[in-house]
Amino acid sequence: MGTLLFDLPTETRTDRKIATRFRKNLLDVGFTMFQFSIYLRFCPSRENAGVHIKGTKSNLPIKSKLCIMQITDKQFGMIELFHGQKEAASETPTQQLELF
């Protein structure tokens, strides 16, 4: 499972445009939005994850903060989600996900 956690400035119109372009690019290459600044992508191997890490780094805006994390399917399956004080049902991903 590849997971990207990022923070992009959105103070100016230009900043918002750059942030939108970055998020759209993530969707175009197969990432799924988990939360607004957290995107996931299934990677069947470490080599495949490396390709996506390299591509993401090459498209990273100058004024940004990025964290890339890899977790196993089992670890992802143990995530507990809550909306307020009630546990939320986990959404089944459209594809198997791998954090990188």
PDB file of N, CA and C in Angstrom:
ATOM      1  N   MET A   1       0.857  -1.163   0.000  1.00  0.00           N
ATOM      2  CA  MET A   1       0.000   0.000   0.000  1.00  0.00           C
ATOM      3  C   MET A   1       0.904   1.227   0.000  1.00  0.00           C
ATOM      4  N   GLY A   2       0.729   2.111  -0.937  1.00  0.00           N
ATOM      5  CA  GLY A   2       1.471   3.365  -0.963  1.00  0.00           C
ATOM      6  C   GLY A   2       0.596   4.474  -0.432  1.00  0.00           C
ATOM      7  N   THR A   3       1.089   5.227   0.506  1.00  0.00           N
ATOM      8  CA  THR A   3       0.337   6.338   1.075  1.00  0.00           C
ATOM      9  C   THR A   3       1.148   7.604   0.978  1.00  0.00           C
ATOM     10  N   LEU A   4       0.523   8.652   0.513  1.00  0.00           N
ATOM     11  CA  LEU A   4       1.137   9.975   0.477  1.00  0.00           C
ATOM     12  C   LEU A   4       0.394  10.861   1.451  1.00  0.00           C
ATOM     13  N   LEU A   5       1.125  11.521   2.326  1.00  0.00           N
ATOM     14  CA  LEU A   5       0.570  12.524   3.223  1.00  0.00           C
ATOM     15  C   LEU A   5       1.270  13.818   2.825  1.00  0.00           C
ATOM     16  N   PHE A   6       0.517  14.851   2.515  1.00  0.00           N
ATOM     17  CA  PHE A   6       1.168  16.069   2.057  1.00  0.00           C
ATOM     18  C   PHE A   6       0.451  17.309   2.553  1.00  0.00           C
ATOM     19  N   ASP A   7       1.195  18.399   2.517  1.00  0.00           N
ATOM     20  CA  ASP A   7       0.675  19.709   2.889  1.00  0.00           C
ATOM     21  C   ASP A   7       1.135  20.679   1.816  1.00  0.00           C
ATOM     22  N   LEU A   8       0.191  21.343   1.188  1.00  0.00           N
ATOM     23  CA  LEU A   8       0.498  22.319   0.149  1.00  0.00           C
ATOM     24  C   LEU A   8      -0.127  23.657   0.524  1.00  0.00           C
ATOM     25  N   PRO A   9       0.586  24.755   0.283  1.00  0.00           N
ATOM     26  CA  PRO A   9       0.002  26.058   0.605  1.00  0.00           C
ATOM     27  C   PRO A   9      -1.178  26.356  -0.320  1.00  0.00           C
ATOM     28  N   THR A  10      -2.178  27.054   0.226  1.00  0.00           N
ATOM     29  CA  THR A  10      -3.357  27.421  -0.562  1.00  0.00           C
ATOM     30  C   THR A  10      -3.775  28.871  -0.309  1.00  0.00           C
ATOM     31  N   GLU A  11      -2.818  29.694   0.119  1.00  0.00           N
ATOM     32  CA  GLU A  11      -3.147  31.082   0.457  1.00  0.00           C
ATOM     33  C   GLU A  11      -3.497  31.917  -0.771  1.00  0.00           C
ATOM     34  N   THR A  12      -2.792  31.724  -1.862  1.00  0.00           N
ATOM     35  CA  THR A  12      -3.019  32.539  -3.058  1.00  0.00           C
ATOM     36  C   THR A  12      -3.725  31.712  -4.125  1.00  0.00           C
ATOM     37  N   ARG A  13      -4.234  32.394  -5.121  1.00  0.00           N
ATOM     38  CA  ARG A  13      -4.885  31.719  -6.237  1.00  0.00           C
ATOM     39  C   ARG A  13      -3.903  30.784  -6.943  1.00  0.00           C
ATOM     40  N   THR A  14      -2.675  31.238  -7.120  1.00  0.00           N
ATOM     41  CA  THR A  14      -1.637  30.421  -7.753  1.00  0.00           C
ATOM     42  C   THR A  14      -1.348  29.177  -6.926  1.00  0.00           C
ATOM     43  N   ASP A  15      -1.240  29.343  -5.596  1.00  0.00           N
ATOM     44  CA  ASP A  15      -1.007  28.192  -4.703  1.00  0.00           C
ATOM     45  C   ASP A  15      -2.129  27.166  -4.843  1.00  0.00           C
ATOM     46  N   ARG A  16      -3.369  27.623  -4.867  1.00  0.00           N
ATOM     47  CA  ARG A  16      -4.509  26.716  -4.982  1.00  0.00           C
ATOM     48  C   ARG A  16      -4.497  25.983  -6.322  1.00  0.00           C
ATOM     49  N   LYS A  17      -4.126  26.681  -7.364  1.00  0.00           N
ATOM     50  CA  LYS A  17      -4.052  26.071  -8.690  1.00  0.00           C
ATOM     51  C   LYS A  17      -2.980  24.976  -8.729  1.00  0.00           C
ATOM     52  N   ILE A  18      -1.835  25.248  -8.127  1.00  0.00           N
ATOM     53  CA  ILE A  18      -0.745  24.268  -8.070  1.00  0.00           C
ATOM     54  C   ILE A  18      -1.173  23.056  -7.244  1.00  0.00           C
ATOM     55  N   ALA A  19      -1.822  23.290  -6.100  1.00  0.00           N
ATOM     56  CA  ALA A  19      -2.274  22.190  -5.237  1.00  0.00           C
ATOM     57  C   ALA A  19      -3.307  21.325  -5.959  1.00  0.00           C
ATOM     58  N   THR A  20      -4.222  21.960  -6.662  1.00  0.00           N
ATOM     59  CA  THR A  20      -5.245  21.228  -7.414  1.00  0.00           C
ATOM     60  C   THR A  20      -4.609  20.392  -8.510  1.00  0.00           C
ATOM     61  N   ARG A  21      -3.640  20.953  -9.205  1.00  0.00           N
ATOM     62  CA  ARG A  21      -2.947  20.220 -10.270  1.00  0.00           C
ATOM     63  C   ARG A  21      -2.223  18.992  -9.691  1.00  0.00           C
ATOM     64  N   PHE A  22      -1.580  19.158  -8.521  1.00  0.00           N
ATOM     65  CA  PHE A  22      -0.868  18.052  -7.886  1.00  0.00           C
ATOM     66  C   PHE A  22      -1.838  16.931  -7.512  1.00  0.00           C
ATOM     67  N   ARG A  23      -2.968  17.289  -6.873  1.00  0.00           N
ATOM     68  CA  ARG A  23      -3.960  16.286  -6.485  1.00  0.00           C
ATOM     69  C   ARG A  23      -4.568  15.593  -7.708  1.00  0.00           C
ATOM     70  N   LYS A  24      -4.831  16.352  -8.771  1.00  0.00           N
ATOM     71  CA  LYS A  24      -5.382  15.769  -9.999  1.00  0.00           C
ATOM     72  C   LYS A  24      -4.385  14.788 -10.612  1.00  0.00           C
ATOM     73  N   ASN A  25      -3.118  15.123 -10.578  1.00  0.00           N
ATOM     74  CA  ASN A  25      -2.095  14.226 -11.106  1.00  0.00           C
ATOM     75  C   ASN A  25      -2.066  12.920 -10.323  1.00  0.00           C
ATOM     76  N   LEU A  26      -2.213  12.993  -8.994  1.00  0.00           N
ATOM     77  CA  LEU A  26      -2.248  11.773  -8.187  1.00  0.00           C
ATOM     78  C   LEU A  26      -3.402  10.870  -8.613  1.00  0.00           C
ATOM     79  N   LEU A  27      -4.565  11.457  -8.840  1.00  0.00           N
ATOM     80  CA  LEU A  27      -5.728  10.672  -9.283  1.00  0.00           C
ATOM     81  C   LEU A  27      -5.476  10.085 -10.668  1.00  0.00           C
ATOM     82  N   ASP A  28      -4.852  10.861 -11.543  1.00  0.00           N
ATOM     83  CA  ASP A  28      -4.586  10.399 -12.912  1.00  0.00           C
ATOM     84  C   ASP A  28      -3.656   9.185 -12.956  1.00  0.00           C
ATOM     85  N   VAL A  29      -2.751   9.068 -11.974  1.00  0.00           N
ATOM     86  CA  VAL A  29      -1.810   7.938 -11.974  1.00  0.00           C
ATOM     87  C   VAL A  29      -2.259   6.806 -11.054  1.00  0.00           C
ATOM     88  N   GLY A  30      -3.530   6.844 -10.625  1.00  0.00           N
ATOM     89  CA  GLY A  30      -4.097   5.703  -9.918  1.00  0.00           C
ATOM     90  C   GLY A  30      -4.217   5.800  -8.417  1.00  0.00           C
ATOM     91  N   PHE A  31      -3.943   6.968  -7.830  1.00  0.00           N
ATOM     92  CA  PHE A  31      -4.128   7.122  -6.395  1.00  0.00           C
ATOM     93  C   PHE A  31      -5.608   7.329  -6.090  1.00  0.00           C
ATOM     94  N   THR A  32      -6.014   6.981  -4.878  1.00  0.00           N
ATOM     95  CA  THR A  32      -7.364   7.189  -4.388  1.00  0.00           C
ATOM     96  C   THR A  32      -7.292   8.125  -3.188  1.00  0.00           C
ATOM     97  N   MET A  33      -8.199   9.111  -3.142  1.00  0.00           N
ATOM     98  CA  MET A  33      -8.187  10.031  -2.010  1.00  0.00           C
ATOM     99  C   MET A  33      -8.766   9.325  -0.784  1.00  0.00           C
ATOM    100  N   PHE A  34      -7.989   9.279   0.303  1.00  0.00           N
ATOM    101  CA  PHE A  34      -8.419   8.708   1.574  1.00  0.00           C
ATOM    102  C   PHE A  34      -8.994   9.820   2.449  1.00  0.00           C
ATOM    103  N   GLN A  35      -8.273  10.926   2.536  1.00  0.00           N
ATOM    104  CA  GLN A  35      -8.718  12.181   3.124  1.00  0.00           C
ATOM    105  C   GLN A  35      -8.160  13.269   2.220  1.00  0.00           C
ATOM    106  N   PHE A  36      -8.477  14.532   2.485  1.00  0.00           N
ATOM    107  CA  PHE A  36      -8.122  15.590   1.539  1.00  0.00           C
ATOM    108  C   PHE A  36      -6.639  15.623   1.193  1.00  0.00           C
ATOM    109  N   SER A  37      -5.755  15.437   2.121  1.00  0.00           N
ATOM    110  CA  SER A  37      -4.320  15.466   1.845  1.00  0.00           C
ATOM    111  C   SER A  37      -3.658  14.117   2.088  1.00  0.00           C
ATOM    112  N   ILE A  38      -4.448  13.053   1.985  1.00  0.00           N
ATOM    113  CA  ILE A  38      -3.913  11.693   2.127  1.00  0.00           C
ATOM    114  C   ILE A  38      -4.434  10.867   0.953  1.00  0.00           C
ATOM    115  N   TYR A  39      -3.507  10.355   0.165  1.00  0.00           N
ATOM    116  CA  TYR A  39      -3.856   9.562  -1.012  1.00  0.00           C
ATOM    117  C   TYR A  39      -3.203   8.191  -0.916  1.00  0.00           C
ATOM    118  N   LEU A  40      -3.901   7.160  -1.398  1.00  0.00           N
ATOM    119  CA  LEU A  40      -3.435   5.778  -1.333  1.00  0.00           C
ATOM    120  C   LEU A  40      -3.340   5.202  -2.749  1.00  0.00           C
ATOM    121  N   ARG A  41      -2.423   4.271  -2.897  1.00  0.00           N
ATOM    122  CA  ARG A  41      -2.317   3.565  -4.173  1.00  0.00           C
ATOM    123  C   ARG A  41      -1.802   2.160  -3.930  1.00  0.00           C
ATOM    124  N   PHE A  42      -2.447   1.165  -4.563  1.00  0.00           N
ATOM    125  CA  PHE A  42      -1.969  -0.203  -4.487  1.00  0.00           C
ATOM    126  C   PHE A  42      -0.740  -0.350  -5.369  1.00  0.00           C
ATOM    127  N   CYS A  43       0.276  -0.973  -4.818  1.00  0.00           N
ATOM    128  CA  CYS A  43       1.497  -1.290  -5.552  1.00  0.00           C
ATOM    129  C   CYS A  43       1.782  -2.771  -5.319  1.00  0.00           C
ATOM    130  N   PRO A  44       1.798  -3.587  -6.381  1.00  0.00           N
ATOM    131  CA  PRO A  44       1.968  -5.020  -6.207  1.00  0.00           C
ATOM    132  C   PRO A  44       3.375  -5.435  -5.780  1.00  0.00           C
ATOM    133  N   SER A  45       4.337  -4.516  -5.883  1.00  0.00           N
ATOM    134  CA  SER A  45       5.708  -4.857  -5.491  1.00  0.00           C
ATOM    135  C   SER A  45       6.445  -3.594  -5.057  1.00  0.00           C
ATOM    136  N   ARG A  46       7.591  -3.792  -4.387  1.00  0.00           N
ATOM    137  CA  ARG A  46       8.422  -2.652  -3.991  1.00  0.00           C
ATOM    138  C   ARG A  46       8.953  -1.921  -5.223  1.00  0.00           C
ATOM    139  N   GLU A  47       9.246  -2.676  -6.275  1.00  0.00           N
ATOM    140  CA  GLU A  47       9.747  -2.060  -7.496  1.00  0.00           C
ATOM    141  C   GLU A  47       8.694  -1.135  -8.100  1.00  0.00           C
ATOM    142  N   ASN A  48       7.451  -1.604  -8.121  1.00  0.00           N
ATOM    143  CA  ASN A  48       6.360  -0.790  -8.636  1.00  0.00           C
ATOM    144  C   ASN A  48       6.161   0.451  -7.774  1.00  0.00           C
ATOM    145  N   ALA A  49       6.252   0.278  -6.451  1.00  0.00           N
ATOM    146  CA  ALA A  49       6.134   1.421  -5.540  1.00  0.00           C
ATOM    147  C   ALA A  49       7.233   2.431  -5.836  1.00  0.00           C
ATOM    148  N   GLY A  50       8.445   1.946  -6.103  1.00  0.00           N
ATOM    149  CA  GLY A  50       9.557   2.832  -6.410  1.00  0.00           C
ATOM    150  C   GLY A  50       9.297   3.691  -7.635  1.00  0.00           C
ATOM    151  N   VAL A  51       8.652   3.121  -8.632  1.00  0.00           N
ATOM    152  CA  VAL A  51       8.297   3.880  -9.833  1.00  0.00           C
ATOM    153  C   VAL A  51       7.356   5.026  -9.476  1.00  0.00           C
ATOM    154  N   HIS A  52       6.352   4.737  -8.643  1.00  0.00           N
ATOM    155  CA  HIS A  52       5.378   5.766  -8.270  1.00  0.00           C
ATOM    156  C   HIS A  52       5.981   6.801  -7.319  1.00  0.00           C
ATOM    157  N   ILE A  53       6.896   6.385  -6.469  1.00  0.00           N
ATOM    158  CA  ILE A  53       7.581   7.332  -5.587  1.00  0.00           C
ATOM    159  C   ILE A  53       8.386   8.308  -6.434  1.00  0.00           C
ATOM    160  N   LYS A  54       9.128   7.783  -7.387  1.00  0.00           N
ATOM    161  CA  LYS A  54       9.948   8.630  -8.258  1.00  0.00           C
ATOM    162  C   LYS A  54       9.074   9.612  -9.040  1.00  0.00           C
ATOM    163  N   GLY A  55       7.969   9.126  -9.590  1.00  0.00           N
ATOM    164  CA  GLY A  55       7.066   9.993 -10.341  1.00  0.00           C
ATOM    165  C   GLY A  55       6.451  11.077  -9.474  1.00  0.00           C
ATOM    166  N   THR A  56       6.071  10.716  -8.256  1.00  0.00           N
ATOM    167  CA  THR A  56       5.477  11.696  -7.347  1.00  0.00           C
ATOM    168  C   THR A  56       6.490  12.763  -6.965  1.00  0.00           C
ATOM    169  N   LYS A  57       7.710  12.339  -6.667  1.00  0.00           N
ATOM    170  CA  LYS A  57       8.758  13.298  -6.306  1.00  0.00           C
ATOM    171  C   LYS A  57       9.032  14.266  -7.448  1.00  0.00           C
ATOM    172  N   SER A  58       8.988  13.782  -8.680  1.00  0.00           N
ATOM    173  CA  SER A  58       9.286  14.648  -9.814  1.00  0.00           C
ATOM    174  C   SER A  58       8.177  15.665 -10.064  1.00  0.00           C
ATOM    175  N   ASN A  59       6.958  15.412  -9.567  1.00  0.00           N
ATOM    176  CA  ASN A  59       5.839  16.337  -9.737  1.00  0.00           C
ATOM    177  C   ASN A  59       5.532  17.143  -8.481  1.00  0.00           C
ATOM    178  N   LEU A  60       6.381  17.050  -7.479  1.00  0.00           N
ATOM    179  CA  LEU A  60       6.127  17.717  -6.205  1.00  0.00           C
ATOM    180  C   LEU A  60       6.321  19.225  -6.334  1.00  0.00           C
ATOM    181  N   PRO A  61       5.309  20.019  -5.953  1.00  0.00           N
ATOM    182  CA  PRO A  61       5.463  21.476  -5.987  1.00  0.00           C
ATOM    183  C   PRO A  61       6.588  21.942  -5.056  1.00  0.00           C
ATOM    184  N   ILE A  62       7.185  23.059  -5.388  1.00  0.00           N
ATOM    185  CA  ILE A  62       8.326  23.592  -4.628  1.00  0.00           C
ATOM    186  C   ILE A  62       7.955  23.849  -3.170  1.00  0.00           C
ATOM    187  N   LYS A  63       6.829  24.515  -2.937  1.00  0.00           N
ATOM    188  CA  LYS A  63       6.417  24.830  -1.561  1.00  0.00           C
ATOM    189  C   LYS A  63       5.492  23.731  -1.036  1.00  0.00           C
ATOM    190  N   SER A  64       6.061  22.584  -0.709  1.00  0.00           N
ATOM    191  CA  SER A  64       5.226  21.481  -0.240  1.00  0.00           C
ATOM    192  C   SER A  64       5.956  20.668   0.812  1.00  0.00           C
ATOM    193  N   LYS A  65       5.176  19.916   1.556  1.00  0.00           N
ATOM    194  CA  LYS A  65       5.701  18.939   2.513  1.00  0.00           C
ATOM    195  C   LYS A  65       5.065  17.614   2.144  1.00  0.00           C
ATOM    196  N   LEU A  66       5.878  16.556   2.078  1.00  0.00           N
ATOM    197  CA  LEU A  66       5.388  15.257   1.645  1.00  0.00           C
ATOM    198  C   LEU A  66       5.953  14.165   2.531  1.00  0.00           C
ATOM    199  N   CYS A  67       5.111  13.208   2.886  1.00  0.00           N
ATOM    200  CA  CYS A  67       5.520  12.009   3.606  1.00  0.00           C
ATOM    201  C   CYS A  67       5.045  10.823   2.780  1.00  0.00           C
ATOM    202  N   ILE A  68       5.946   9.897   2.502  1.00  0.00           N
ATOM    203  CA  ILE A  68       5.602   8.682   1.774  1.00  0.00           C
ATOM    204  C   ILE A  68       5.755   7.513   2.740  1.00  0.00           C
ATOM    205  N   MET A  69       4.712   6.675   2.813  1.00  0.00           N
ATOM    206  CA  MET A  69       4.713   5.581   3.771  1.00  0.00           C
ATOM    207  C   MET A  69       4.295   4.288   3.064  1.00  0.00           C
ATOM    208  N   GLN A  70       4.954   3.188   3.394  1.00  0.00           N
ATOM    209  CA  GLN A  70       4.572   1.876   2.874  1.00  0.00           C
ATOM    210  C   GLN A  70       4.054   1.023   4.020  1.00  0.00           C
ATOM    211  N   ILE A  71       2.884   0.433   3.808  1.00  0.00           N
ATOM    212  CA  ILE A  71       2.369  -0.515   4.793  1.00  0.00           C
ATOM    213  C   ILE A  71       1.821  -1.735   4.046  1.00  0.00           C
ATOM    214  N   THR A  72       1.711  -2.822   4.754  1.00  0.00           N
ATOM    215  CA  THR A  72       1.190  -4.053   4.154  1.00  0.00           C
ATOM    216  C   THR A  72      -0.338  -4.010   4.128  1.00  0.00           C
ATOM    217  N   ASP A  73      -0.915  -4.912   3.345  1.00  0.00           N
ATOM    218  CA  ASP A  73      -2.370  -5.015   3.299  1.00  0.00           C
ATOM    219  C   ASP A  73      -2.940  -5.336   4.675  1.00  0.00           C
ATOM    220  N   LYS A  74      -2.242  -6.200   5.421  1.00  0.00           N
ATOM    221  CA  LYS A  74      -2.698  -6.568   6.761  1.00  0.00           C
ATOM    222  C   LYS A  74      -2.725  -5.344   7.677  1.00  0.00           C
ATOM    223  N   GLN A  75      -1.663  -4.520   7.620  1.00  0.00           N
ATOM    224  CA  GLN A  75      -1.628  -3.311   8.433  1.00  0.00           C
ATOM    225  C   GLN A  75      -2.752  -2.357   8.032  1.00  0.00           C
ATOM    226  N   PHE A  76      -2.973  -2.203   6.748  1.00  0.00           N
ATOM    227  CA  PHE A  76      -4.049  -1.332   6.282  1.00  0.00           C
ATOM    228  C   PHE A  76      -5.400  -1.842   6.779  1.00  0.00           C
ATOM    229  N   GLY A  77      -5.577  -3.159   6.786  1.00  0.00           N
ATOM    230  CA  GLY A  77      -6.827  -3.746   7.247  1.00  0.00           C
ATOM    231  C   GLY A  77      -7.099  -3.526   8.724  1.00  0.00           C
ATOM    232  N   MET A  78      -6.071  -3.195   9.496  1.00  0.00           N
ATOM    233  CA  MET A  78      -6.242  -2.965  10.937  1.00  0.00           C
ATOM    234  C   MET A  78      -6.531  -1.505  11.264  1.00  0.00           C
ATOM    235  N   ILE A  79      -6.640  -0.635  10.256  1.00  0.00           N
ATOM    236  CA  ILE A  79      -6.960   0.772  10.507  1.00  0.00           C
ATOM    237  C   ILE A  79      -8.369   0.869  11.080  1.00  0.00           C
ATOM    238  N   GLU A  80      -8.525   1.672  12.119  1.00  0.00           N
ATOM    239  CA  GLU A  80      -9.842   1.933  12.707  1.00  0.00           C
ATOM    240  C   GLU A  80     -10.258   3.339  12.313  1.00  0.00           C
ATOM    241  N   LEU A  81     -11.431   3.478  11.722  1.00  0.00           N
ATOM    242  CA  LEU A  81     -11.940   4.768  11.276  1.00  0.00           C
ATOM    243  C   LEU A  81     -13.105   5.206  12.147  1.00  0.00           C
ATOM    244  N   PHE A  82     -13.158   6.479  12.492  1.00  0.00           N
ATOM    245  CA  PHE A  82     -14.235   7.025  13.305  1.00  0.00           C
ATOM    246  C   PHE A  82     -14.751   8.313  12.686  1.00  0.00           C
ATOM    247  N   HIS A  83     -16.051   8.498  12.752  1.00  0.00           N
ATOM    248  CA  HIS A  83     -16.686   9.766  12.413  1.00  0.00           C
ATOM    249  C   HIS A  83     -17.309  10.249  13.713  1.00  0.00           C
ATOM    250  N   GLY A  84     -16.702  11.261  14.304  1.00  0.00           N
ATOM    251  CA  GLY A  84     -17.129  11.672  15.630  1.00  0.00           C
ATOM    252  C   GLY A  84     -16.775  10.565  16.607  1.00  0.00           C
ATOM    253  N   GLN A  85     -17.697  10.161  17.444  1.00  0.00           N
ATOM    254  CA  GLN A  85     -17.418   9.108  18.414  1.00  0.00           C
ATOM    255  C   GLN A  85     -17.852   7.734  17.935  1.00  0.00           C
ATOM    256  N   LYS A  86     -18.447   7.659  16.726  1.00  0.00           N
ATOM    257  CA  LYS A  86     -18.916   6.376  16.205  1.00  0.00           C
ATOM    258  C   LYS A  86     -17.913   5.823  15.203  1.00  0.00           C
ATOM    259  N   GLU A  87     -17.676   4.530  15.321  1.00  0.00           N
ATOM    260  CA  GLU A  87     -16.773   3.877  14.382  1.00  0.00           C
ATOM    261  C   GLU A  87     -17.442   3.830  13.010  1.00  0.00           C
ATOM    262  N   ALA A  88     -16.678   4.187  11.999  1.00  0.00           N
ATOM    263  CA  ALA A  88     -17.189   4.181  10.631  1.00  0.00           C
ATOM    264  C   ALA A  88     -16.821   2.875   9.954  1.00  0.00           C
ATOM    265  N   ALA A  89     -17.682   2.439   9.068  1.00  0.00           N
ATOM    266  CA  ALA A  89     -17.375   1.238   8.293  1.00  0.00           C
ATOM    267  C   ALA A  89     -16.255   1.564   7.321  1.00  0.00           C
ATOM    268  N   SER A  90     -15.300   0.666   7.209  1.00  0.00           N
ATOM    269  CA  SER A  90     -14.204   0.864   6.266  1.00  0.00           C
ATOM    270  C   SER A  90     -14.726   0.676   4.866  1.00  0.00           C
ATOM    271  N   GLU A  91     -14.337   1.611   3.988  1.00  0.00           N
ATOM    272  CA  GLU A  91     -14.706   1.465   2.586  1.00  0.00           C
ATOM    273  C   GLU A  91     -13.773   0.452   1.954  1.00  0.00           C
ATOM    274  N   THR A  92     -14.319  -0.428   1.149  1.00  0.00           N
ATOM    275  CA  THR A  92     -13.482  -1.380   0.431  1.00  0.00           C
ATOM    276  C   THR A  92     -12.845  -0.642  -0.727  1.00  0.00           C
ATOM    277  N   PRO A  93     -11.519  -0.637  -0.802  1.00  0.00           N
ATOM    278  CA  PRO A  93     -10.856   0.063  -1.891  1.00  0.00           C
ATOM    279  C   PRO A  93     -11.265  -0.536  -3.243  1.00  0.00           C
ATOM    280  N   THR A  94     -11.209   0.295  -4.292  1.00  0.00           N
ATOM    281  CA  THR A  94     -11.548  -0.175  -5.620  1.00  0.00           C
ATOM    282  C   THR A  94     -10.500  -1.150  -6.138  1.00  0.00           C
ATOM    283  N   GLN A  95      -9.315  -1.086  -5.574  1.00  0.00           N
ATOM    284  CA  GLN A  95      -8.252  -2.023  -5.897  1.00  0.00           C
ATOM    285  C   GLN A  95      -7.470  -2.279  -4.620  1.00  0.00           C
ATOM    286  N   GLN A  96      -6.691  -3.323  -4.615  1.00  0.00           N
ATOM    287  CA  GLN A  96      -5.860  -3.605  -3.448  1.00  0.00           C
ATOM    288  C   GLN A  96      -4.854  -2.460  -3.341  1.00  0.00           C
ATOM    289  N   LEU A  97      -4.643  -1.940  -2.145  1.00  0.00           N
ATOM    290  CA  LEU A  97      -3.777  -0.782  -1.967  1.00  0.00           C
ATOM    291  C   LEU A  97      -2.498  -1.159  -1.256  1.00  0.00           C
ATOM    292  N   GLU A  98      -1.416  -0.473  -1.593  1.00  0.00           N
ATOM    293  CA  GLU A  98      -0.134  -0.689  -0.946  1.00  0.00           C
ATOM    294  C   GLU A  98       0.454   0.674  -0.606  1.00  0.00           C
ATOM    295  N   LEU A  99       0.764   0.899   0.654  1.00  0.00           N
ATOM    296  CA  LEU A  99       1.362   2.167   1.059  1.00  0.00           C
ATOM    297  C   LEU A  99       2.833   2.146   0.736  1.00  0.00           C
ATOM    298  N   PHE A 100       3.329   3.263   0.210  1.00  0.00           N
ATOM    299  CA  PHE A 100       4.774   3.328  -0.088  1.00  0.00           C
ATOM    300  C   PHE A 100       5.354   4.604   0.402  1.00  0.00           C
TER     301      PHE A 100
END
